[in-house]
Protein backbone atom coordinates (compact mmCIF):
# COMPACT_ATOMS: atom_id res chain seq x y z
CA UNK A 1 34.13 97.36 26.81
CA UNK A 2 30.89 97.79 24.86
CA UNK A 3 27.47 96.53 25.89
CA UNK A 4 27.88 93.31 23.88
CA UNK A 5 31.00 92.42 25.86
CA UNK A 6 29.58 92.97 29.33
CA UNK A 7 29.70 89.90 31.53
CA UNK A 8 26.37 88.25 32.23
CA UNK A 9 24.64 89.56 29.12
CA UNK A 10 23.78 86.08 27.89
CA UNK A 11 25.86 86.32 24.72
CA UNK A 12 24.31 85.39 21.39
CA UNK A 13 20.58 84.71 21.32
CA UNK A 14 18.81 82.16 19.18
CA UNK A 15 15.51 83.33 17.72
CA UNK A 16 12.64 81.92 15.68
CA UNK A 17 11.66 84.64 13.19
CA UNK A 18 7.94 85.15 12.64
CA UNK A 19 5.91 87.59 10.54
CA UNK A 20 6.41 90.93 12.27
CA UNK A 21 7.83 89.41 15.45
CA UNK A 22 10.23 86.80 16.75
CA UNK A 23 10.28 84.20 19.50
CA UNK A 24 13.31 83.78 21.74
CA UNK A 25 14.54 80.18 21.67
CA UNK A 26 17.72 80.83 23.67
CA UNK A 27 18.19 84.03 25.63
CA UNK A 28 20.97 86.41 24.78
CA UNK A 29 21.74 90.04 24.07
CA UNK A 30 22.28 89.90 20.30
CA UNK A 31 22.06 87.92 17.07
CA UNK A 32 24.52 87.92 14.18
CA UNK A 33 23.67 89.39 10.79
CA UNK A 34 23.42 86.53 8.27
CA UNK A 35 25.35 88.55 5.68
CA UNK A 36 27.99 90.54 7.56
CA UNK A 37 28.34 88.59 10.79
CA UNK A 38 27.95 91.81 12.78
CA UNK A 39 26.31 91.58 16.19
CA UNK A 40 22.81 93.10 16.25
CA UNK A 41 21.52 93.95 19.74
CA UNK A 42 17.99 92.55 20.12
CA UNK A 43 16.60 96.01 20.86
CA UNK A 44 17.93 97.15 17.45
CA UNK A 45 16.81 94.11 15.42
CA UNK A 46 14.36 95.30 12.74
CA UNK A 47 15.04 93.18 9.64
CA UNK A 48 14.84 89.43 9.06
CA UNK A 49 13.60 86.84 6.59
CA UNK A 50 11.01 84.39 7.89
CA UNK A 51 11.54 81.80 5.13
CA UNK A 52 15.32 81.70 5.51
CA UNK A 53 15.28 82.43 9.27
CA UNK A 54 18.01 85.06 8.82
CA UNK A 55 18.49 88.38 10.64
CA UNK A 56 19.97 91.44 8.91
CA UNK A 57 21.73 94.50 10.31
CA UNK A 58 19.96 97.00 8.02
CA UNK A 59 17.30 97.42 5.37
CA UNK A 60 19.98 97.81 2.70
CA UNK A 61 21.59 94.50 3.69
CA UNK A 62 18.20 92.76 3.73
CA UNK A 63 17.39 94.11 0.24
CA UNK A 64 20.78 93.06 -1.13
CA UNK A 65 20.34 89.56 0.29
CA UNK A 66 16.87 89.35 -1.26
CA UNK A 67 18.27 90.35 -4.66
CA UNK A 68 21.08 87.83 -4.27
CA UNK A 69 18.61 85.03 -3.58
CA UNK A 70 16.41 86.04 -6.54
CA UNK A 71 19.40 85.92 -8.88
CA UNK A 72 20.19 82.32 -7.77
CA UNK A 73 16.81 81.05 -8.98
């Protein structure tokens, strides 16, 4: 069992992403990457988009998502 599966961890959190920070709307241990669906523990969350309110598992995923959104314009 990994730390995301431990009982009583609160499951998936809901966050409001701000510039350089986030606000917890619903407590939990992780959020899901908007691109991959992977669980991101809150203590490892470093990348998100304020305008789209999306978290990302890595800088590379965040950059790819940004490029994808630019190409849709």
